[in-house]
Protein backbone atom coordinates (compact mmCIF):
# COMPACT_ATOMS: atom_id res chain seq x y z
CA MET A 1 262.25 147.87 139.44
CA SER A 2 265.33 147.50 141.68
CA MET A 3 263.58 145.14 144.10
CA PHE A 4 260.22 143.84 145.01
CA CYS A 5 258.96 142.86 148.45
CA TYR A 6 255.46 142.74 149.86
CA GLN A 7 255.85 140.48 152.90
CA CYS A 8 254.89 143.07 155.55
CA GLN A 9 251.86 145.30 156.26
CA GLU A 10 253.80 148.48 155.36
CA ALA A 11 254.35 147.46 151.66
CA ALA A 12 254.67 150.69 149.73
CA LYS A 13 251.32 151.88 148.23
CA GLY A 14 249.74 148.68 149.52
CA THR A 15 251.25 146.73 146.71
CA GLY A 16 255.04 146.27 147.40
CA CYS A 17 258.33 148.10 147.89
CA GLN A 18 260.12 148.52 144.57
CA ILE A 19 263.04 150.98 145.18
CA LYS A 20 263.67 150.71 148.90
CA GLY A 21 261.79 148.92 151.70
CA VAL A 22 259.65 150.91 153.96
CA CYS A 23 261.36 148.92 156.72
CA GLY A 24 264.73 150.52 155.63
CA LYS A 25 266.35 147.70 153.71
CA ASP A 26 268.02 148.70 150.40
CA GLU A 27 267.73 146.75 147.19
CA GLU A 28 270.89 144.67 147.78
CA VAL A 29 269.65 143.38 151.09
CA ALA A 30 266.31 142.68 149.63
CA ARG A 31 267.84 140.78 146.69
CA LEU A 32 270.15 138.88 148.92
CA GLN A 33 267.35 137.84 151.16
CA ASP A 34 265.46 136.59 148.03
CA LEU A 35 268.49 134.60 147.13
CA LEU A 36 268.82 133.10 150.51
CA ILE A 37 265.28 131.86 150.32
CA TYR A 38 265.89 130.49 146.80
CA THR A 39 268.97 128.65 148.13
CA LEU A 40 266.92 127.02 150.90
CA LYS A 41 264.37 125.89 148.43
CA GLY A 42 266.98 124.13 146.42
CA LEU A 43 268.40 122.49 149.49
CA ALA A 44 264.88 121.45 150.52
CA GLU A 45 264.25 119.84 147.07
CA ILE A 46 267.30 117.59 147.61
CA VAL A 47 266.19 116.59 151.06
CA VAL A 48 262.63 115.79 149.95
CA LYS A 49 263.42 114.10 146.62
CA GLY A 50 266.37 112.27 148.07
CA ASN A 51 264.27 111.04 151.03
CA LEU A 52 267.11 112.17 153.35
CA GLU A 53 266.75 111.35 156.95
CA ILE A 54 266.11 114.54 159.04
CA GLU A 55 267.77 113.10 162.18
CA ASN A 56 271.07 113.08 160.15
CA LEU A 57 270.81 116.74 159.23
CA ASN A 58 270.98 118.43 162.61
CA GLU A 59 273.40 121.22 161.78
CA ILE A 60 271.56 121.89 158.46
CA ASN A 61 268.16 121.86 160.15
CA HIS A 62 269.32 124.51 162.70
CA GLU A 63 270.82 126.70 159.91
CA VAL A 64 267.79 126.47 157.76
CA ILE A 65 265.53 127.94 160.50
CA LYS A 66 268.14 130.58 161.27
CA SER A 67 268.33 131.49 157.56
CA LEU A 68 264.53 131.83 157.39
CA PHE A 69 264.60 133.91 160.56
CA ILE A 70 267.22 136.31 159.01
CA THR A 71 264.80 137.22 156.20
CA ILE A 72 261.95 138.35 158.48
CA THR A 73 261.10 141.93 158.33
CA ASN A 74 263.37 144.24 160.37
CA ALA A 75 265.60 141.39 161.51
CA ASN A 76 268.82 141.72 159.50
CA PHE A 77 270.07 144.53 157.37
CA ASP A 78 273.67 143.37 157.21
CA LYS A 79 274.38 142.29 153.55
CA THR A 80 277.71 140.76 154.50
CA ALA A 81 276.11 138.62 157.11
CA ILE A 82 273.46 137.50 154.54
CA GLU A 83 276.10 136.79 151.89
CA LYS A 84 277.95 134.52 154.40
CA GLN A 85 274.73 132.72 155.23
CA ILE A 86 274.11 132.13 151.47
CA GLU A 87 277.52 130.73 151.07
CA LYS A 88 277.06 128.51 154.03
CA MET A 89 273.74 127.18 152.83
CA LEU A 90 275.09 126.64 149.30
CA GLY A 91 277.89 124.60 150.91
CA PHE A 92 275.36 122.39 152.65
CA ARG A 93 273.34 122.11 149.53
CA ASN A 94 276.27 120.98 147.48
CA GLU A 95 277.23 118.45 150.13
CA LEU A 96 273.73 117.00 150.01
CA LYS A 97 273.80 116.75 146.29
CA LYS A 98 276.58 114.22 146.54
CA ARG A 99 274.30 111.89 148.53
CA ILE A 100 271.79 111.48 145.73
CA ALA A 101 272.03 110.56 142.11
CA GLU A 102 269.86 110.41 138.96
CA ILE A 103 266.99 112.36 140.51
CA PRO A 104 265.70 115.27 138.31
CA LEU A 105 266.28 118.49 140.19
CA GLY A 106 265.61 122.10 139.21
CA ASP A 107 267.67 125.32 138.90
CA ALA A 108 267.46 126.10 142.66
CA THR A 109 269.62 123.01 143.29
CA TYR A 110 272.25 123.57 140.60
CA PHE A 111 272.91 127.28 140.42
CA GLU A 112 276.29 128.61 141.61
CA VAL A 113 277.43 132.08 142.55
CA THR A 114 280.84 133.66 142.89
CA GLY A 115 280.93 136.99 144.78
CA THR A 116 278.35 139.65 145.53
CA THR A 117 277.80 140.77 141.84
CA SER A 118 277.01 137.14 140.83
CA MET A 119 274.64 136.79 143.86
CA LEU A 120 272.76 139.95 142.99
CA GLU A 121 272.45 138.83 139.34
CA LYS A 122 271.00 135.52 140.35
CA ALA A 123 268.78 137.07 142.95
CA SER A 124 267.10 139.29 140.34
CA LYS A 125 265.81 136.15 138.69
CA ALA A 126 264.83 134.28 141.90
CA GLY A 127 262.61 136.75 143.68
CA VAL A 128 258.93 136.86 144.37
CA LEU A 129 258.01 137.91 140.74
CA ALA A 130 259.67 134.89 139.29
CA THR A 131 256.31 133.13 139.72
CA GLU A 132 254.19 134.71 136.97
CA ASN A 133 250.69 133.46 137.83
CA GLU A 134 249.55 135.92 140.60
CA ASP A 135 247.40 133.32 142.43
CA ILE A 136 250.09 130.68 142.52
CA ARG A 137 252.55 133.48 143.64
CA SER A 138 250.21 134.56 146.29
CA LEU A 139 249.75 131.11 147.77
CA ARG A 140 253.50 130.29 147.51
CA GLU A 141 254.35 133.54 149.30
CA LEU A 142 251.69 132.91 152.05
CA VAL A 143 253.25 129.57 152.71
CA ILE A 144 256.80 130.97 152.70
CA TYR A 145 255.90 133.87 155.12
CA GLY A 146 254.10 131.35 157.37
CA ILE A 147 257.15 129.21 157.54
CA LYS A 148 259.36 132.21 158.19
CA GLY A 149 257.30 132.87 161.28
CA MET A 150 257.32 129.23 162.19
CA ALA A 151 261.09 129.08 161.85
CA ALA A 152 261.50 132.11 164.22
CA TYR A 153 259.58 130.23 166.93
CA ALA A 154 261.41 127.02 166.28
CA HIS A 155 264.71 128.90 166.59
CA HIS A 156 263.71 130.26 170.07
CA ALA A 157 262.71 126.80 171.22
CA LEU A 158 265.91 125.33 169.91
CA ASN A 159 267.89 127.88 171.98
CA LEU A 160 266.16 126.26 175.03
CA GLY A 161 267.06 122.78 173.96
CA LYS A 162 263.66 121.88 172.49
CA GLU A 163 263.03 120.72 168.94
CA ASN A 164 260.68 118.66 166.92
CA ARG A 165 262.06 116.92 163.82
CA ASP A 166 258.60 116.75 162.29
CA ILE A 167 258.71 120.57 162.04
CA TYR A 168 261.85 120.51 160.09
CA THR A 169 260.42 117.81 157.78
CA PHE A 170 257.41 120.04 157.03
CA ILE A 171 259.60 123.06 156.43
CA TYR A 172 261.54 121.15 153.85
CA GLU A 173 258.36 119.85 152.23
CA ALA A 174 256.82 123.30 152.08
CA LEU A 175 259.92 124.98 150.60
CA ALA A 176 260.29 122.31 147.99
CA ALA A 177 256.63 122.59 147.08
CA THR A 178 257.01 126.21 146.25
CA LEU A 179 259.31 125.12 143.31
CA ASP A 180 256.68 122.56 142.03
CA ASP A 181 254.82 124.05 139.00
CA ALA A 182 252.51 121.02 138.82
CA LEU A 183 250.72 122.00 142.13
CA SER A 184 247.32 123.51 141.64
CA VAL A 185 245.73 126.31 143.48
CA ASP A 186 243.65 123.86 145.53
CA GLU A 187 246.72 121.87 146.47
CA LEU A 188 248.52 125.03 147.54
CA ILE A 189 245.55 126.02 149.63
CA THR A 190 245.72 122.66 151.43
CA LEU A 191 249.44 123.42 151.95
CA THR A 192 248.53 126.70 153.46
CA LEU A 193 246.36 125.09 156.00
CA LYS A 194 248.97 122.47 156.75
CA THR A 195 251.38 125.32 157.38
CA GLY A 196 248.82 126.55 160.05
CA GLU A 197 248.84 123.00 161.56
CA PHE A 198 252.62 123.04 162.01
CA GLY A 199 252.33 126.68 163.23
CA VAL A 200 250.23 125.37 166.21
CA LYS A 201 252.82 122.60 166.85
CA THR A 202 255.70 124.96 166.77
CA MET A 203 254.07 127.51 169.11
CA ALA A 204 253.17 124.63 171.44
CA LEU A 205 256.81 123.55 171.39
CA LEU A 206 258.01 127.03 172.24
CA ASP A 207 255.43 127.38 175.05
CA GLU A 208 256.74 124.16 176.50
CA ALA A 209 260.37 125.35 176.20
CA ASN A 210 259.65 128.62 177.83
CA THR A 211 257.58 127.36 180.71
CA SER A 212 259.63 124.28 181.46
CA LYS A 213 262.70 126.49 181.91
CA TYR A 214 261.21 129.72 183.22
CA GLY A 215 257.90 128.62 184.81
CA ASN A 216 254.33 129.66 183.91
CA PRO A 217 253.76 133.39 183.49
CA GLU A 218 251.88 134.90 186.41
CA ILE A 219 250.16 138.06 187.17
CA THR A 220 252.82 140.76 187.37
CA HIS A 221 252.95 144.51 187.80
CA VAL A 222 255.89 145.73 185.61
CA ASN A 223 257.70 148.97 186.45
CA ILE A 224 257.88 151.48 183.68
CA GLY A 225 260.03 154.00 185.48
CA VAL A 226 263.82 153.96 185.91
CA GLY A 227 266.46 153.36 188.49
CA LYS A 228 269.64 155.51 189.29
CA ASN A 229 272.21 153.06 187.80
CA PRO A 230 273.26 152.91 184.17
CA GLY A 231 271.34 150.32 182.23
CA ILE A 232 271.30 148.00 179.25
CA LEU A 233 268.16 147.71 177.17
CA ILE A 234 267.26 144.35 175.71
CA SER A 235 264.81 144.07 172.82
CA GLY A 236 263.47 141.29 170.63
CA HIS A 237 262.13 137.97 171.75
CA ASP A 238 264.94 135.55 172.85
CA LEU A 239 264.67 134.83 176.53
CA THR A 240 268.00 132.87 176.64
CA ASP A 241 269.86 136.01 175.71
CA LEU A 242 268.10 137.80 178.55
CA GLU A 243 268.92 135.01 181.09
CA GLN A 244 272.70 135.17 180.11
CA LEU A 245 272.73 138.92 180.22
CA LEU A 246 271.24 138.96 183.72
CA GLU A 247 273.64 136.40 185.00
CA GLN A 248 276.67 138.44 183.62
CA THR A 249 275.44 141.70 185.11
CA LYS A 250 274.77 140.40 188.61
CA GLY A 251 276.66 142.55 191.16
CA THR A 252 277.87 145.02 188.49
CA ASP A 253 275.59 147.95 189.27
CA VAL A 254 274.32 147.77 185.71
CA ASP A 255 270.51 147.49 185.49
CA ILE A 256 268.64 145.65 182.81
CA TYR A 257 265.46 146.86 181.10
CA THR A 258 263.17 145.20 178.59
CA HIS A 259 262.03 146.88 175.46
CA SER A 260 258.96 146.16 173.26
CA GLU A 261 258.38 142.32 172.86
CA MET A 262 260.82 141.56 175.64
CA LEU A 263 258.31 143.00 178.15
CA PRO A 264 256.64 139.62 178.88
CA ALA A 265 259.91 138.28 180.29
CA HIS A 266 258.92 139.98 183.51
CA TYR A 267 255.93 137.64 183.83
CA TYR A 268 258.03 134.50 184.24
CA PRO A 269 258.90 133.54 187.88
CA PHE A 270 262.48 132.58 186.96
CA PHE A 271 263.53 136.16 186.17
CA LYS A 272 262.13 137.70 189.27
CA LYS A 273 265.15 136.68 191.35
CA TYR A 274 267.44 139.17 189.61
CA GLU A 275 267.51 142.41 191.59
CA ASN A 276 268.87 144.34 188.65
CA PHE A 277 265.93 143.47 186.44
CA ILE A 278 264.38 146.87 186.81
CA GLY A 279 261.40 147.11 184.34
CA ASN A 280 260.36 147.98 180.87
CA TYR A 281 261.47 151.11 179.04
CA GLY A 282 259.43 152.74 176.37
CA HIS A 283 256.75 151.67 174.10
CA SER A 284 256.41 149.66 170.81
CA TRP A 285 259.37 148.89 168.50
CA TRP A 286 258.75 151.77 166.12
CA LYS A 287 259.33 154.43 168.81
CA GLN A 288 262.93 153.36 169.25
CA LEU A 289 264.44 156.17 167.30
CA GLU A 290 263.61 158.61 170.03
CA GLU A 291 263.53 156.34 173.00
CA PHE A 292 267.06 154.85 172.38
CA GLU A 293 268.46 158.42 172.59
CA THR A 294 266.96 158.94 176.10
CA PHE A 295 267.96 155.55 177.35
CA ASN A 296 271.65 156.52 177.18
CA GLY A 297 273.00 153.06 177.51
CA PRO A 298 273.72 150.13 175.19
CA ILE A 299 270.88 148.29 173.39
CA LEU A 300 270.83 144.55 172.62
CA PHE A 301 268.68 143.25 169.69
CA THR A 302 268.14 139.55 170.08
CA THR A 303 265.87 139.17 167.12
CA ASN A 304 263.82 141.32 164.70
CA CYS A 305 262.24 144.83 165.18
CA ILE A 306 265.33 146.92 164.33
CA VAL A 307 264.57 150.41 162.84
CA PRO A 308 267.65 151.66 161.07
CA PRO A 309 269.15 154.31 163.40
CA LYS A 310 269.49 157.82 162.12
CA ASN A 311 271.78 158.96 164.98
CA GLU A 312 275.39 157.53 164.67
CA LYS A 313 275.91 157.82 168.43
CA VAL A 314 272.84 155.68 168.97
CA ARG A 315 273.95 153.16 166.39
CA ASP A 316 277.32 152.81 168.22
CA ARG A 317 275.38 151.73 171.28
CA ILE A 318 273.42 148.98 169.38
CA PHE A 319 274.56 145.35 169.54
CA THR A 320 272.97 142.41 167.81
CA SER A 321 272.86 138.66 168.29
CA GLY A 322 271.14 135.59 166.81
CA ALA A 323 269.45 136.08 163.43
CA SER A 324 269.49 139.85 163.82
CA GLY A 325 272.11 142.21 162.35
CA TYR A 326 272.85 145.75 161.24
CA PRO A 327 275.95 147.13 159.48
CA GLY A 328 278.30 148.90 161.77
CA CYS A 329 276.90 147.35 164.94
CA ILE A 330 278.84 144.67 166.91
CA HIS A 331 277.30 141.19 166.59
CA ILE A 332 277.56 138.87 169.64
CA GLU A 333 278.10 135.28 168.50
CA ALA A 334 277.45 132.28 170.68
CA ASN A 335 280.20 129.76 171.27
CA GLN A 336 279.71 125.99 170.66
CA ASP A 337 277.95 125.65 173.99
CA GLY A 338 275.56 128.38 173.13
CA LYS A 339 277.11 130.92 175.54
CA LYS A 340 277.49 134.54 174.64
CA ASP A 341 279.90 137.13 176.08
CA PHE A 342 278.05 140.30 176.77
CA SER A 343 281.10 142.01 178.54
CA PRO A 344 281.31 144.68 175.72
CA LEU A 345 277.81 145.91 176.48
CA ILE A 346 278.46 145.76 180.32
CA GLU A 347 281.74 147.68 179.99
CA MET A 348 280.04 150.29 177.81
CA ALA A 349 277.10 150.53 180.19
CA LYS A 350 279.36 151.37 183.16
CA LYS A 351 280.49 154.53 181.26
CA CYS A 352 276.97 155.63 180.38
CA LYS A 353 274.50 157.81 182.29
CA ALA A 354 271.37 156.27 183.73
CA PRO A 355 268.32 156.23 181.58
CA ILE A 356 266.21 159.44 181.36
CA GLU A 357 262.77 158.80 182.84
CA ILE A 358 260.04 159.05 180.18
CA GLU A 359 257.12 157.69 182.21
CA THR A 360 256.30 156.27 185.66
CA GLY A 361 254.00 153.74 187.10
CA SER A 362 253.42 150.13 186.20
CA ILE A 363 251.56 147.89 183.70
CA VAL A 364 250.09 144.54 184.45
CA GLY A 365 250.44 141.31 182.44
CA GLY A 366 251.07 137.60 182.81
CA PHE A 367 247.76 136.22 181.60
CA ALA A 368 248.96 133.23 179.62
CA HIS A 369 246.86 130.12 179.54
CA ALA A 370 247.99 128.61 182.89
CA GLN A 371 247.24 131.85 184.78
CA VAL A 372 243.85 132.43 183.06
CA LEU A 373 242.79 128.84 183.52
CA ALA A 374 243.64 129.21 187.18
CA LEU A 375 241.09 132.05 187.18
CA ALA A 376 238.63 129.91 185.10
CA ASP A 377 235.87 129.68 187.73
CA LYS A 378 235.90 133.44 188.20
CA VAL A 379 235.88 134.02 184.50
CA ILE A 380 233.03 131.55 183.87
CA ASP A 381 230.95 132.96 186.65
CA ALA A 382 231.43 136.45 185.08
CA VAL A 383 230.27 135.18 181.75
CA LYS A 384 227.26 133.34 183.15
CA SER A 385 226.17 136.37 185.20
CA GLY A 386 226.44 138.62 182.19
CA ALA A 387 229.21 140.73 183.70
CA ILE A 388 231.37 139.78 180.78
CA LYS A 389 229.57 139.97 177.47
CA LYS A 390 232.41 139.49 174.99
CA PHE A 391 236.09 138.66 174.76
CA ILE A 392 237.89 140.66 172.13
CA VAL A 393 241.08 139.10 170.85
CA MET A 394 243.35 142.00 169.88
CA ALA A 395 246.64 140.20 169.45
CA GLY A 396 249.25 140.88 166.84
CA CYS A 397 251.81 143.55 165.81
CA ASP A 398 252.12 147.26 166.20
CA GLY A 399 253.37 149.50 163.37
CA ARG A 400 254.19 153.15 162.54
CA MET A 401 251.19 154.05 160.35
CA LYS A 402 248.68 156.55 161.60
CA ALA A 403 245.94 154.18 160.78
CA ARG A 404 246.96 152.14 163.83
CA GLU A 405 245.49 154.75 166.03
CA TYR A 406 242.30 152.81 165.24
CA TYR A 407 243.34 150.18 167.81
CA THR A 408 243.65 152.64 170.68
CA GLU A 409 240.29 154.21 169.77
CA PHE A 410 238.70 150.77 169.44
CA ALA A 411 239.93 149.73 172.94
CA GLN A 412 238.80 153.05 174.53
CA LYS A 413 235.32 152.76 173.08
CA LEU A 414 234.62 149.13 173.81
CA PRO A 415 231.71 148.63 176.22
CA THR A 416 232.79 148.12 179.85
CA ASP A 417 231.47 144.60 179.89
CA THR A 418 234.15 143.38 177.45
CA ILE A 419 237.60 141.81 178.12
CA ILE A 420 240.48 142.34 175.68
CA LEU A 421 242.77 139.25 175.12
CA THR A 422 246.14 140.36 173.70
CA ALA A 423 249.60 139.06 172.80
CA GLY A 424 252.30 140.68 170.81
CA CYS A 425 253.32 144.31 170.50
CA ALA A 426 249.88 145.32 169.33
CA LYS A 427 249.12 145.77 173.05
CA TYR A 428 251.27 149.00 173.21
CA ARG A 429 248.28 150.73 171.57
CA TYR A 430 246.22 150.22 174.59
CA ASN A 431 247.99 148.49 177.48
CA LYS A 432 248.59 151.70 179.36
CA LEU A 433 244.95 152.81 179.18
CA ALA A 434 243.00 152.86 182.48
CA LEU A 435 240.18 150.53 181.40
CA GLY A 436 239.45 149.16 184.83
CA ASP A 437 238.35 145.60 185.62
CA ILE A 438 235.27 143.40 185.75
CA ASP A 439 234.77 141.73 189.18
CA GLY A 440 238.52 141.95 189.81
CA ILE A 441 239.54 140.68 186.39
CA PRO A 442 241.48 143.36 184.38
CA ARG A 443 239.84 144.34 181.22
CA ILE A 444 243.19 143.87 179.36
CA LEU A 445 244.60 140.42 179.73
CA ASP A 446 248.15 140.28 178.25
CA ALA A 447 249.33 136.79 177.50
CA GLY A 448 252.77 137.85 176.34
CA GLN A 449 254.84 137.90 173.16
CA CYS A 450 253.37 137.32 169.63
CA ASN A 451 254.09 133.48 169.94
CA ASP A 452 251.89 133.54 173.06
CA SER A 453 248.90 133.86 170.84
CA TYR A 454 249.13 130.16 171.31
CA SER A 455 247.90 130.84 174.96
CA LEU A 456 244.88 132.57 173.57
CA ALA A 457 243.92 129.61 171.47
CA VAL A 458 244.39 127.24 174.39
CA ILE A 459 242.13 129.53 176.49
CA ALA A 460 239.49 129.58 173.79
CA LEU A 461 239.50 125.74 173.29
CA LYS A 462 239.26 125.29 177.06
CA LEU A 463 236.23 127.66 177.38
CA LYS A 464 234.57 125.77 174.49
CA GLU A 465 235.01 122.54 176.53
CA VAL A 466 233.83 124.13 179.75
CA PHE A 467 230.65 125.55 178.19
CA GLY A 468 230.00 122.26 176.32
CA LEU A 469 230.10 123.83 172.87
CA GLU A 470 230.68 122.01 169.59
CA ASP A 471 232.36 124.81 167.74
CA VAL A 472 234.92 127.37 169.06
CA ASN A 473 233.12 129.97 167.01
CA GLN A 474 230.08 129.68 169.30
CA LEU A 475 231.97 131.27 172.18
CA PRO A 476 231.50 135.04 172.98
CA ILE A 477 234.91 135.75 171.44
CA VAL A 478 235.62 137.93 168.44
CA TYR A 479 238.97 138.52 166.69
CA ASN A 480 240.22 141.96 165.67
CA ILE A 481 243.92 141.35 164.97
CA ALA A 482 246.59 143.78 163.85
CA TRP A 483 249.37 142.31 161.80
CA TYR A 484 252.81 143.62 160.54
CA GLU A 485 255.23 140.83 159.79
CA GLN A 486 255.63 137.07 159.11
CA LYS A 487 255.21 135.83 162.64
CA ALA A 488 251.72 137.34 162.58
CA VAL A 489 251.18 135.40 159.33
CA ILE A 490 251.82 132.05 161.05
CA VAL A 491 249.57 133.07 163.96
CA LEU A 492 246.78 133.79 161.47
CA LEU A 493 247.30 130.44 159.62
CA ALA A 494 247.34 128.63 162.95
CA LEU A 495 244.00 130.16 163.94
CA LEU A 496 242.49 129.19 160.56
CA TYR A 497 243.69 125.62 161.10
CA LEU A 498 242.09 125.51 164.47
CA GLY A 499 238.80 126.47 162.88
CA VAL A 500 238.48 130.03 163.99
CA LYS A 501 236.45 132.10 161.56
CA ASN A 502 235.39 135.75 160.99
CA ILE A 503 238.73 137.21 161.91
CA HIS A 504 239.09 140.87 161.18
CA LEU A 505 242.59 141.83 160.03
CA GLY A 506 244.04 145.28 159.81
CA PRO A 507 244.95 147.99 159.40
CA THR A 508 245.07 146.63 155.83
CA LEU A 509 244.81 143.24 154.30
CA PRO A 510 248.15 141.75 153.09
CA ALA A 511 249.39 142.96 149.75
CA PHE A 512 250.55 139.46 148.89
CA LEU A 513 246.94 138.23 148.74
CA SER A 514 245.78 138.16 145.18
CA PRO A 515 242.10 139.12 144.59
CA ASN A 516 241.18 135.42 143.99
CA VAL A 517 243.11 134.13 147.10
CA ALA A 518 241.56 136.95 149.20
CA LYS A 519 238.14 135.90 147.90
CA VAL A 520 238.74 132.28 149.01
CA LEU A 521 239.79 133.48 152.55
CA VAL A 522 236.71 135.67 152.70
CA GLU A 523 234.31 132.99 151.46
CA THR A 524 235.78 130.03 153.38
CA PHE A 525 236.91 131.66 156.65
CA GLY A 526 235.12 134.96 156.80
CA ILE A 527 238.36 136.97 156.88
CA ALA A 528 237.54 140.66 156.73
CA GLY A 529 239.26 144.09 157.01
CA ILE A 530 238.49 146.83 159.51
CA ASP A 531 236.20 149.80 159.25
CA THR A 532 235.90 152.68 161.78
CA ALA A 533 236.15 151.80 165.48
CA GLU A 534 232.51 152.72 166.11
CA GLU A 535 231.13 150.58 163.31
CA ASP A 536 233.31 147.63 164.14
CA ILE A 537 232.34 147.73 167.77
CA GLN A 538 228.67 147.83 166.84
CA PHE A 539 229.19 144.85 164.49
CA PHE A 540 231.21 142.79 166.96
CA MET A 541 228.72 143.42 169.83
CA ALA A 542 225.62 142.56 167.76
């Protein structure tokens, strides 16, 4: 096989992509991503075995989380950018080697590469299948995918000036552990739960970073129509890019629209002062091929969720920043102060037509933990009176597969005495449905981006306390979560660490779970797949 990748839900044939990624990455990009991860493992081994002080590695810490972020599904397809990142991390690794002596280290610490050909040759021996035992491989990859998601959230927090060095310490420990052939299955399972523990810490850090800068999300009706001015569409997850873009477009007659996971930016009080912040355009990430054509203006990707464009004219309007990248698209780099110059997008937008309207009306969101807890008395009364029978957590990711129509059908057929708690782009399967409310409480409570699944955990833990329960699983809350990529993996591990059981995961279980590892998750945590919408609703409501 020319490559092997099974880190996302769309892994070919439910087992793994072996010729080209369903996401669109070719074998060279796949191999280079494998080599970047292998390089990070070698660097981590030096940090751990050399007992190097994390506080003295600031630049390296930051580049490690960026490197992990680059390898997330649909984030970066630019092999030149990945090669440069490998070279940068090898440089850091070699510098760190000089600080320690006479400590036995493995191949990941000593290998060298010269040029693309050498990189690809090395990558073919450093990928997923280099671990022969399928259970060890499964657990190692589960940990790695968890820390990829963790790194993405840590990267967003860092952009807002917030970091926790304990998170970096754990990432080094986890990466180094995946090189340790002495670790047993049980020890790797323990490491998996520890990954969930640090997932909670990382999402809490990002929540603090977002809310301390932009305020607590509040109930907001977001326009889904368009204005008359030309616009810029901003996608991804990074709120600092949005802030800078809004500042630079003030008074320019260029409007700003959010796309996909950037929708929840409208919920933060800080952004409501910008008159040119018009609304949200389109649906979930996978619809972008058609929606980018009708938008007409430039598109800025701040993070992952890029679908390789088929139309060259559309590609010419795509810009990237941060960990994202696509060949042929202009990448906007930050200066030493973290500032980015978005003038190329602004000048392009001024020459473009206004977006074509594809829908009208509004959608409501902003139900993060602070807002829901402000409504706590109302929610508790509705539960006690029986008006609300169940909360259904339907957080997670959306995707292209027809099987995901299940989630729309599931939401439509839920009894009217249920409330959907959601976060992430999975909500686009049902957030425009007219499901009504219960005593003034909307039946769909959108907490925000995928990282805002942390809010749903905070809400659950608070309700457990209010109702005087000993176990969060005693609450009238069930979990029917859709997953797609690695940020969903860290959310899942975080929920398992918090003690949440009986999570249903779909539309398919991860391909990287070996039968034995899947059995452990089923028997220990009650993890299960999905069935038909009708059968699952009957099961959940029983």
